[in-house]
């Protein structure tokens, strides 16, 4: 059974501590409890959505905004660059 860590009580994503497969029950640890069922395979170190998140809403990790959801994210969904626009380290957005 894969594990994922919730780093802050306000986070809407958790980071996988073990790789997970679609359909696995993933146990939440840290600032979160319970479990989510993975909707896709999720590699070690990637994020999974733990709270329904609307399109355009902030994605929170460490209690900080790390991105914006391109579309609505469902609980258990792999949350990564394919469905989140990063707001951190975006050198392409710097004014020149």
PDB file of N, CA and C in Angstrom:
ATOM      1  N   UNK A   1       0.850  -1.173   0.000  1.00  0.00           N
ATOM      2  CA  UNK A   1       0.000   0.000   0.000  1.00  0.00           C
ATOM      3  C   UNK A   1       0.898   1.238   0.000  1.00  0.00           C
ATOM      4  N   UNK A   2       0.796   2.092  -1.029  1.00  0.00           N
ATOM      5  CA  UNK A   2       1.649   3.286  -1.077  1.00  0.00           C
ATOM      6  C   UNK A   2       1.271   4.293   0.008  1.00  0.00           C
ATOM      7  N   UNK A   3       2.247   5.119   0.368  1.00  0.00           N
ATOM      8  CA  UNK A   3       2.047   6.185   1.343  1.00  0.00           C
ATOM      9  C   UNK A   3       2.306   7.529   0.683  1.00  0.00           C
ATOM     10  N   UNK A   4       1.635   8.561   1.199  1.00  0.00           N
ATOM     11  CA  UNK A   4       1.865   9.923   0.727  1.00  0.00           C
ATOM     12  C   UNK A   4       1.874  10.843   1.938  1.00  0.00           C
ATOM     13  N   UNK A   5       2.695  11.892   1.880  1.00  0.00           N
ATOM     14  CA  UNK A   5       2.798  12.814   3.011  1.00  0.00           C
ATOM     15  C   UNK A   5       2.114  14.132   2.677  1.00  0.00           C
ATOM     16  N   UNK A   6       1.329  14.591   3.632  1.00  0.00           N
ATOM     17  CA  UNK A   6       0.699  15.909   3.567  1.00  0.00           C
ATOM     18  C   UNK A   6       1.573  16.806   4.434  1.00  0.00           C
ATOM     19  N   UNK A   7       2.127  17.857   3.842  1.00  0.00           N
ATOM     20  CA  UNK A   7       3.120  18.667   4.536  1.00  0.00           C
ATOM     21  C   UNK A   7       2.529  19.805   5.357  1.00  0.00           C
ATOM     22  N   UNK A   8       1.285  20.192   5.088  1.00  0.00           N
ATOM     23  CA  UNK A   8       0.632  21.283   5.831  1.00  0.00           C
ATOM     24  C   UNK A   8      -0.865  21.019   5.837  1.00  0.00           C
ATOM     25  N   UNK A   9      -1.520  21.395   6.904  1.00  0.00           N
ATOM     26  CA  UNK A   9      -2.953  21.119   7.057  1.00  0.00           C
ATOM     27  C   UNK A   9      -3.817  21.737   5.954  1.00  0.00           C
ATOM     28  N   UNK A  10      -3.356  22.802   5.298  1.00  0.00           N
ATOM     29  CA  UNK A  10      -4.144  23.444   4.237  1.00  0.00           C
ATOM     30  C   UNK A  10      -3.869  22.891   2.844  1.00  0.00           C
ATOM     31  N   UNK A  11      -2.914  21.963   2.714  1.00  0.00           N
ATOM     32  CA  UNK A  11      -2.546  21.427   1.395  1.00  0.00           C
ATOM     33  C   UNK A  11      -3.707  20.689   0.741  1.00  0.00           C
ATOM     34  N   UNK A  12      -3.791  20.811  -0.596  1.00  0.00           N
ATOM     35  CA  UNK A  12      -4.771  20.020  -1.340  1.00  0.00           C
ATOM     36  C   UNK A  12      -4.097  18.936  -2.175  1.00  0.00           C
ATOM     37  N   UNK A  13      -2.791  18.748  -1.960  1.00  0.00           N
ATOM     38  CA  UNK A  13      -2.042  17.650  -2.574  1.00  0.00           C
ATOM     39  C   UNK A  13      -1.166  16.988  -1.522  1.00  0.00           C
ATOM     40  N   UNK A  14      -0.818  15.733  -1.785  1.00  0.00           N
ATOM     41  CA  UNK A  14       0.134  14.992  -0.959  1.00  0.00           C
ATOM     42  C   UNK A  14       1.200  14.432  -1.890  1.00  0.00           C
ATOM     43  N   UNK A  15       2.397  14.239  -1.363  1.00  0.00           N
ATOM     44  CA  UNK A  15       3.529  13.735  -2.143  1.00  0.00           C
ATOM     45  C   UNK A  15       3.735  12.255  -1.846  1.00  0.00           C
ATOM     46  N   UNK A  16       3.781  11.443  -2.912  1.00  0.00           N
ATOM     47  CA  UNK A  16       3.940  10.003  -2.718  1.00  0.00           C
ATOM     48  C   UNK A  16       5.338   9.653  -2.215  1.00  0.00           C
ATOM     49  N   UNK A  17       5.368   8.824  -1.170  1.00  0.00           N
ATOM     50  CA  UNK A  17       6.609   8.310  -0.600  1.00  0.00           C
ATOM     51  C   UNK A  17       6.969   6.961  -1.199  1.00  0.00           C
ATOM     52  N   UNK A  18       6.014   6.361  -1.888  1.00  0.00           N
ATOM     53  CA  UNK A  18       6.182   5.088  -2.577  1.00  0.00           C
ATOM     54  C   UNK A  18       5.465   5.226  -3.920  1.00  0.00           C
ATOM     55  N   UNK A  19       5.928   4.574  -4.969  1.00  0.00           N
ATOM     56  CA  UNK A  19       5.165   4.607  -6.217  1.00  0.00           C
ATOM     57  C   UNK A  19       3.820   3.912  -6.018  1.00  0.00           C
ATOM     58  N   UNK A  20       2.793   4.398  -6.700  1.00  0.00           N
ATOM     59  CA  UNK A  20       1.470   3.798  -6.588  1.00  0.00           C
ATOM     60  C   UNK A  20       0.889   3.473  -7.950  1.00  0.00           C
ATOM     61  N   UNK A  21       0.013   2.495  -7.963  1.00  0.00           N
ATOM     62  CA  UNK A  21      -0.642   2.057  -9.192  1.00  0.00           C
ATOM     63  C   UNK A  21      -2.118   2.472  -9.162  1.00  0.00           C
ATOM     64  N   UNK A  22      -2.691   2.656 -10.341  1.00  0.00           N
ATOM     65  CA  UNK A  22      -4.109   2.957 -10.445  1.00  0.00           C
ATOM     66  C   UNK A  22      -4.906   1.954  -9.605  1.00  0.00           C
ATOM     67  N   UNK A  23      -5.823   2.464  -8.783  1.00  0.00           N
ATOM     68  CA  UNK A  23      -6.668   1.617  -7.946  1.00  0.00           C
ATOM     69  C   UNK A  23      -6.116   1.352  -6.556  1.00  0.00           C
ATOM     70  N   UNK A  24      -4.818   1.655  -6.332  1.00  0.00           N
ATOM     71  CA  UNK A  24      -4.241   1.464  -4.996  1.00  0.00           C
ATOM     72  C   UNK A  24      -4.870   2.415  -3.993  1.00  0.00           C
ATOM     73  N   UNK A  25      -5.060   1.938  -2.771  1.00  0.00           N
ATOM     74  CA  UNK A  25      -5.421   2.800  -1.644  1.00  0.00           C
ATOM     75  C   UNK A  25      -4.112   3.404  -1.144  1.00  0.00           C
ATOM     76  N   UNK A  26      -4.027   4.718  -1.114  1.00  0.00           N
ATOM     77  CA  UNK A  26      -2.814   5.421  -0.716  1.00  0.00           C
ATOM     78  C   UNK A  26      -3.059   6.050   0.651  1.00  0.00           C
ATOM     79  N   UNK A  27      -2.259   5.674   1.627  1.00  0.00           N
ATOM     80  CA  UNK A  27      -2.419   6.143   3.000  1.00  0.00           C
ATOM     81  C   UNK A  27      -1.762   7.507   3.164  1.00  0.00           C
ATOM     82  N   UNK A  28      -2.513   8.463   3.728  1.00  0.00           N
ATOM     83  CA  UNK A  28      -1.996   9.811   3.975  1.00  0.00           C
ATOM     84  C   UNK A  28      -1.337   9.865   5.347  1.00  0.00           C
ATOM     85  N   UNK A  29      -0.169  10.508   5.406  1.00  0.00           N
ATOM     86  CA  UNK A  29       0.585  10.668   6.646  1.00  0.00           C
ATOM     87  C   UNK A  29       0.960  12.121   6.833  1.00  0.00           C
ATOM     88  N   UNK A  30       1.545  12.452   7.952  1.00  0.00           N
ATOM     89  CA  UNK A  30       1.964  13.824   8.227  1.00  0.00           C
ATOM     90  C   UNK A  30       0.786  14.631   8.728  1.00  0.00           C
ATOM     91  N   UNK A  31       0.482  15.722   8.052  1.00  0.00           N
ATOM     92  CA  UNK A  31      -0.606  16.612   8.447  1.00  0.00           C
ATOM     93  C   UNK A  31      -1.962  16.153   7.919  1.00  0.00           C
ATOM     94  N   UNK A  32      -2.005  14.991   7.300  1.00  0.00           N
ATOM     95  CA  UNK A  32      -3.256  14.447   6.787  1.00  0.00           C
ATOM     96  C   UNK A  32      -3.457  13.032   7.295  1.00  0.00           C
ATOM     97  N   UNK A  33      -4.704  12.604   7.306  1.00  0.00           N
ATOM     98  CA  UNK A  33      -5.008  11.240   7.719  1.00  0.00           C
ATOM     99  C   UNK A  33      -5.991  10.641   6.727  1.00  0.00           C
ATOM    100  N   UNK A  34      -6.151   9.352   6.799  1.00  0.00           N
ATOM    101  CA  UNK A  34      -7.071   8.665   5.907  1.00  0.00           C
ATOM    102  C   UNK A  34      -6.344   8.129   4.703  1.00  0.00           C
ATOM    103  N   UNK A  35      -7.100   7.960   3.636  1.00  0.00           N
ATOM    104  CA  UNK A  35      -6.503   7.445   2.409  1.00  0.00           C
ATOM    105  C   UNK A  35      -7.276   7.933   1.206  1.00  0.00           C
ATOM    106  N   UNK A  36      -6.629   7.880   0.053  1.00  0.00           N
ATOM    107  CA  UNK A  36      -7.268   8.187  -1.226  1.00  0.00           C
ATOM    108  C   UNK A  36      -6.989   7.024  -2.160  1.00  0.00           C
ATOM    109  N   UNK A  37      -7.886   6.782  -3.087  1.00  0.00           N
ATOM    110  CA  UNK A  37      -7.685   5.758  -4.109  1.00  0.00           C
ATOM    111  C   UNK A  37      -7.078   6.425  -5.335  1.00  0.00           C
ATOM    112  N   UNK A  38      -5.931   5.935  -5.776  1.00  0.00           N
ATOM    113  CA  UNK A  38      -5.243   6.535  -6.919  1.00  0.00           C
ATOM    114  C   UNK A  38      -6.026   6.275  -8.209  1.00  0.00           C
ATOM    115  N   UNK A  39      -6.214   7.332  -8.987  1.00  0.00           N
ATOM    116  CA  UNK A  39      -6.948   7.233 -10.247  1.00  0.00           C
ATOM    117  C   UNK A  39      -6.044   6.875 -11.418  1.00  0.00           C
ATOM    118  N   UNK A  40      -4.742   7.079 -11.255  1.00  0.00           N
ATOM    119  CA  UNK A  40      -3.742   6.728 -12.261  1.00  0.00           C
ATOM    120  C   UNK A  40      -2.515   6.205 -11.523  1.00  0.00           C
ATOM    121  N   UNK A  41      -1.571   5.646 -12.270  1.00  0.00           N
ATOM    122  CA  UNK A  41      -0.274   5.335 -11.695  1.00  0.00           C
ATOM    123  C   UNK A  41       0.373   6.663 -11.302  1.00  0.00           C
ATOM    124  N   UNK A  42       0.999   6.712 -10.127  1.00  0.00           N
ATOM    125  CA  UNK A  42       1.670   7.930  -9.655  1.00  0.00           C
ATOM    126  C   UNK A  42       3.072   7.535  -9.199  1.00  0.00           C
ATOM    127  N   UNK A  43       4.102   8.125  -9.836  1.00  0.00           N
ATOM    128  CA  UNK A  43       5.478   7.786  -9.460  1.00  0.00           C
ATOM    129  C   UNK A  43       5.853   8.330  -8.076  1.00  0.00           C
ATOM    130  N   UNK A  44       6.863   7.720  -7.478  1.00  0.00           N
ATOM    131  CA  UNK A  44       7.462   8.228  -6.247  1.00  0.00           C
ATOM    132  C   UNK A  44       7.795   9.705  -6.417  1.00  0.00           C
ATOM    133  N   UNK A  45       7.481  10.512  -5.407  1.00  0.00           N
ATOM    134  CA  UNK A  45       7.837  11.926  -5.409  1.00  0.00           C
ATOM    135  C   UNK A  45       6.843  12.824  -6.120  1.00  0.00           C
ATOM    136  N   UNK A  46       5.891  12.238  -6.844  1.00  0.00           N
ATOM    137  CA  UNK A  46       4.874  13.053  -7.515  1.00  0.00           C
ATOM    138  C   UNK A  46       3.711  13.286  -6.559  1.00  0.00           C
ATOM    139  N   UNK A  47       2.818  14.195  -6.940  1.00  0.00           N
ATOM    140  CA  UNK A  47       1.711  14.577  -6.083  1.00  0.00           C
ATOM    141  C   UNK A  47       0.407  13.918  -6.509  1.00  0.00           C
ATOM    142  N   UNK A  48      -0.478  13.780  -5.515  1.00  0.00           N
ATOM    143  CA  UNK A  48      -1.833  13.299  -5.741  1.00  0.00           C
ATOM    144  C   UNK A  48      -2.781  14.305  -5.096  1.00  0.00           C
ATOM    145  N   UNK A  49      -3.898  14.567  -5.760  1.00  0.00           N
ATOM    146  CA  UNK A  49      -4.904  15.483  -5.239  1.00  0.00           C
ATOM    147  C   UNK A  49      -5.637  14.810  -4.076  1.00  0.00           C
ATOM    148  N   UNK A  50      -5.809  15.544  -2.957  1.00  0.00           N
ATOM    149  CA  UNK A  50      -6.482  14.971  -1.789  1.00  0.00           C
ATOM    150  C   UNK A  50      -7.771  15.708  -1.430  1.00  0.00           C
ATOM    151  N   UNK A  51      -8.061  16.804  -2.134  1.00  0.00           N
ATOM    152  CA  UNK A  51      -9.277  17.589  -1.921  1.00  0.00           C
ATOM    153  C   UNK A  51      -9.778  18.003  -3.302  1.00  0.00           C
ATOM    154  N   UNK A  52     -11.077  17.882  -3.601  1.00  0.00           N
ATOM    155  CA  UNK A  52     -11.552  18.348  -4.909  1.00  0.00           C
ATOM    156  C   UNK A  52     -11.093  19.798  -5.125  1.00  0.00           C
ATOM    157  N   UNK A  53     -10.526  20.061  -6.302  1.00  0.00           N
ATOM    158  CA  UNK A  53      -9.926  21.360  -6.597  1.00  0.00           C
ATOM    159  C   UNK A  53     -10.476  21.867  -7.921  1.00  0.00           C
ATOM    160  N   UNK A  54     -11.084  23.032  -7.896  1.00  0.00           N
ATOM    161  CA  UNK A  54     -11.719  23.605  -9.087  1.00  0.00           C
ATOM    162  C   UNK A  54     -10.684  24.096 -10.096  1.00  0.00           C
ATOM    163  N   UNK A  55     -11.087  24.141 -11.362  1.00  0.00           N
ATOM    164  CA  UNK A  55     -10.239  24.727 -12.406  1.00  0.00           C
ATOM    165  C   UNK A  55      -9.922  26.164 -12.013  1.00  0.00           C
ATOM    166  N   UNK A  56      -8.665  26.545 -12.145  1.00  0.00           N
ATOM    167  CA  UNK A  56      -8.231  27.904 -11.811  1.00  0.00           C
ATOM    168  C   UNK A  56      -7.896  28.098 -10.343  1.00  0.00           C
ATOM    169  N   UNK A  57      -8.161  27.093  -9.510  1.00  0.00           N
ATOM    170  CA  UNK A  57      -7.872  27.205  -8.070  1.00  0.00           C
ATOM    171  C   UNK A  57      -6.382  26.997  -7.805  1.00  0.00           C
ATOM    172  N   UNK A  58      -5.945  27.525  -6.679  1.00  0.00           N
ATOM    173  CA  UNK A  58      -4.563  27.338  -6.259  1.00  0.00           C
ATOM    174  C   UNK A  58      -4.313  25.893  -5.843  1.00  0.00           C
ATOM    175  N   UNK A  59      -3.128  25.395  -6.187  1.00  0.00           N
ATOM    176  CA  UNK A  59      -2.656  24.096  -5.714  1.00  0.00           C
ATOM    177  C   UNK A  59      -1.683  24.401  -4.581  1.00  0.00           C
ATOM    178  N   UNK A  60      -1.949  23.818  -3.400  1.00  0.00           N
ATOM    179  CA  UNK A  60      -1.184  24.132  -2.198  1.00  0.00           C
ATOM    180  C   UNK A  60      -0.347  22.950  -1.738  1.00  0.00           C
ATOM    181  N   UNK A  61       0.933  23.226  -1.486  1.00  0.00           N
ATOM    182  CA  UNK A  61       1.867  22.262  -0.895  1.00  0.00           C
ATOM    183  C   UNK A  61       2.735  23.065   0.065  1.00  0.00           C
ATOM    184  N   UNK A  62       3.070  22.533   1.196  1.00  0.00           N
ATOM    185  CA  UNK A  62       3.790  23.248   2.268  1.00  0.00           C
ATOM    186  C   UNK A  62       2.955  24.410   2.811  1.00  0.00           C
ATOM    187  N   UNK A  63       1.649  24.436   2.548  1.00  0.00           N
ATOM    188  CA  UNK A  63       0.818  25.570   2.929  1.00  0.00           C
ATOM    189  C   UNK A  63       1.028  26.770   2.019  1.00  0.00           C
ATOM    190  N   UNK A  64       1.720  26.573   0.908  1.00  0.00           N
ATOM    191  CA  UNK A  64       2.047  27.637  -0.050  1.00  0.00           C
ATOM    192  C   UNK A  64       1.486  27.302  -1.423  1.00  0.00           C
ATOM    193  N   UNK A  65       1.185  28.330  -2.193  1.00  0.00           N
ATOM    194  CA  UNK A  65       0.722  28.132  -3.566  1.00  0.00           C
ATOM    195  C   UNK A  65       1.902  27.694  -4.414  1.00  0.00           C
ATOM    196  N   UNK A  66       1.751  26.540  -5.079  1.00  0.00           N
ATOM    197  CA  UNK A  66       2.811  26.061  -5.979  1.00  0.00           C
ATOM    198  C   UNK A  66       2.350  26.068  -7.431  1.00  0.00           C
ATOM    199  N   UNK A  67       1.046  26.302  -7.644  1.00  0.00           N
ATOM    200  CA  UNK A  67       0.538  26.301  -9.003  1.00  0.00           C
ATOM    201  C   UNK A  67      -0.949  26.581  -9.044  1.00  0.00           C
ATOM    202  N   UNK A  68      -1.480  26.521 -10.272  1.00  0.00           N
ATOM    203  CA  UNK A  68      -2.896  26.737 -10.532  1.00  0.00           C
ATOM    204  C   UNK A  68      -3.410  25.564 -11.362  1.00  0.00           C
ATOM    205  N   UNK A  69      -4.538  25.013 -10.954  1.00  0.00           N
ATOM    206  CA  UNK A  69      -5.122  23.881 -11.683  1.00  0.00           C
ATOM    207  C   UNK A  69      -5.618  24.340 -13.046  1.00  0.00           C
ATOM    208  N   UNK A  70      -5.209  23.647 -14.127  1.00  0.00           N
ATOM    209  CA  UNK A  70      -5.707  24.001 -15.467  1.00  0.00           C
ATOM    210  C   UNK A  70      -7.170  23.626 -15.602  1.00  0.00           C
ATOM    211  N   UNK A  71      -7.571  22.584 -14.880  1.00  0.00           N
ATOM    212  CA  UNK A  71      -8.935  22.061 -14.938  1.00  0.00           C
ATOM    213  C   UNK A  71      -9.264  21.516 -13.561  1.00  0.00           C
ATOM    214  N   UNK A  72     -10.506  21.151 -13.357  1.00  0.00           N
ATOM    215  CA  UNK A  72     -10.891  20.578 -12.066  1.00  0.00           C
ATOM    216  C   UNK A  72     -10.086  19.307 -11.800  1.00  0.00           C
ATOM    217  N   UNK A  73      -9.613  19.169 -10.567  1.00  0.00           N
ATOM    218  CA  UNK A  73      -8.835  17.998 -10.157  1.00  0.00           C
ATOM    219  C   UNK A  73      -9.659  17.194  -9.164  1.00  0.00           C
ATOM    220  N   UNK A  74      -9.668  15.886  -9.373  1.00  0.00           N
ATOM    221  CA  UNK A  74     -10.441  14.989  -8.514  1.00  0.00           C
ATOM    222  C   UNK A  74      -9.539  14.332  -7.474  1.00  0.00           C
ATOM    223  N   UNK A  75     -10.126  13.985  -6.348  1.00  0.00           N
ATOM    224  CA  UNK A  75      -9.387  13.285  -5.299  1.00  0.00           C
ATOM    225  C   UNK A  75      -8.831  11.986  -5.878  1.00  0.00           C
ATOM    226  N   UNK A  76      -7.538  11.758  -5.651  1.00  0.00           N
ATOM    227  CA  UNK A  76      -6.875  10.563  -6.150  1.00  0.00           C
ATOM    228  C   UNK A  76      -6.200  10.755  -7.492  1.00  0.00           C
ATOM    229  N   UNK A  77      -6.334  11.935  -8.082  1.00  0.00           N
ATOM    230  CA  UNK A  77      -5.762  12.193  -9.405  1.00  0.00           C
ATOM    231  C   UNK A  77      -4.298  12.604  -9.305  1.00  0.00           C
ATOM    232  N   UNK A  78      -3.472  12.036 -10.185  1.00  0.00           N
ATOM    233  CA  UNK A  78      -2.066  12.423 -10.310  1.00  0.00           C
ATOM    234  C   UNK A  78      -2.042  13.922 -10.625  1.00  0.00           C
ATOM    235  N   UNK A  79      -1.320  14.678  -9.821  1.00  0.00           N
ATOM    236  CA  UNK A  79      -1.299  16.136  -9.956  1.00  0.00           C
ATOM    237  C   UNK A  79       0.124  16.550 -10.298  1.00  0.00           C
ATOM    238  N   UNK A  80       0.315  16.993 -11.552  1.00  0.00           N
ATOM    239  CA  UNK A  80       1.669  17.274 -12.047  1.00  0.00           C
ATOM    240  C   UNK A  80       1.566  18.299 -13.183  1.00  0.00           C
ATOM    241  N   UNK A  81       2.609  18.440 -13.976  1.00  0.00           N
ATOM    242  CA  UNK A  81       2.672  19.474 -15.009  1.00  0.00           C
ATOM    243  C   UNK A  81       1.603  19.323 -16.091  1.00  0.00           C
ATOM    244  N   UNK A  82       0.996  18.153 -16.232  1.00  0.00           N
ATOM    245  CA  UNK A  82      -0.034  17.948 -17.251  1.00  0.00           C
ATOM    246  C   UNK A  82      -1.379  18.566 -16.856  1.00  0.00           C
ATOM    247  N   UNK A  83      -1.552  18.907 -15.564  1.00  0.00           N
ATOM    248  CA  UNK A  83      -2.828  19.504 -15.154  1.00  0.00           C
ATOM    249  C   UNK A  83      -2.671  20.666 -14.178  1.00  0.00           C
ATOM    250  N   UNK A  84      -1.431  21.125 -13.971  1.00  0.00           N
ATOM    251  CA  UNK A  84      -1.160  22.264 -13.091  1.00  0.00           C
ATOM    252  C   UNK A  84      -0.140  23.177 -13.769  1.00  0.00           C
ATOM    253  N   UNK A  85      -0.408  24.480 -13.734  1.00  0.00           N
ATOM    254  CA  UNK A  85       0.572  25.477 -14.181  1.00  0.00           C
ATOM    255  C   UNK A  85       1.361  25.916 -12.961  1.00  0.00           C
ATOM    256  N   UNK A  86       2.664  25.736 -12.997  1.00  0.00           N
ATOM    257  CA  UNK A  86       3.519  26.107 -11.876  1.00  0.00           C
ATOM    258  C   UNK A  86       3.546  27.616 -11.703  1.00  0.00           C
ATOM    259  N   UNK A  87       3.616  28.059 -10.459  1.00  0.00           N
ATOM    260  CA  UNK A  87       3.793  29.486 -10.169  1.00  0.00           C
ATOM    261  C   UNK A  87       5.135  29.707  -9.483  1.00  0.00           C
ATOM    262  N   UNK A  88       5.961  28.667  -9.426  1.00  0.00           N
ATOM    263  CA  UNK A  88       7.269  28.768  -8.777  1.00  0.00           C
ATOM    264  C   UNK A  88       8.370  28.514  -9.811  1.00  0.00           C
ATOM    265  N   UNK A  89       9.409  29.313  -9.744  1.00  0.00           N
ATOM    266  CA  UNK A  89      10.554  29.097 -10.618  1.00  0.00           C
ATOM    267  C   UNK A  89      10.240  29.272 -12.091  1.00  0.00           C
ATOM    268  N   UNK A  90       9.307  30.170 -12.411  1.00  0.00           N
ATOM    269  CA  UNK A  90       8.892  30.376 -13.799  1.00  0.00           C
ATOM    270  C   UNK A  90       9.735  31.485 -14.440  1.00  0.00           C
ATOM    271  N   UNK A  91      10.956  31.150 -14.834  1.00  0.00           N
ATOM    272  CA  UNK A  91      11.819  32.120 -15.496  1.00  0.00           C
ATOM    273  C   UNK A  91      11.242  32.620 -16.802  1.00  0.00           C
ATOM    274  N   UNK A  92      10.367  31.826 -17.437  1.00  0.00           N
ATOM    275  CA  UNK A  92       9.774  32.246 -18.694  1.00  0.00           C
ATOM    276  C   UNK A  92       8.771  33.378 -18.512  1.00  0.00           C
ATOM    277  N   UNK A  93       8.381  33.660 -17.262  1.00  0.00           N
ATOM    278  CA  UNK A  93       7.420  34.739 -17.010  1.00  0.00           C
ATOM    279  C   UNK A  93       8.086  36.016 -16.544  1.00  0.00           C
ATOM    280  N   UNK A  94       9.430  35.995 -16.372  1.00  0.00           N
ATOM    281  CA  UNK A  94      10.133  37.190 -15.909  1.00  0.00           C
ATOM    282  C   UNK A  94      10.112  38.259 -16.984  1.00  0.00           C
ATOM    283  N   UNK A  95       9.894  39.504 -16.545  1.00  0.00           N
ATOM    284  CA  UNK A  95       9.944  40.640 -17.485  1.00  0.00           C
ATOM    285  C   UNK A  95      11.395  40.845 -17.888  1.00  0.00           C
ATOM    286  N   UNK A  96      11.613  41.156 -19.132  1.00  0.00           N
ATOM    287  CA  UNK A  96      12.967  41.393 -19.622  1.00  0.00           C
ATOM    288  C   UNK A  96      13.137  42.831 -20.007  1.00  0.00           C
TER     289      UNK A  96
END
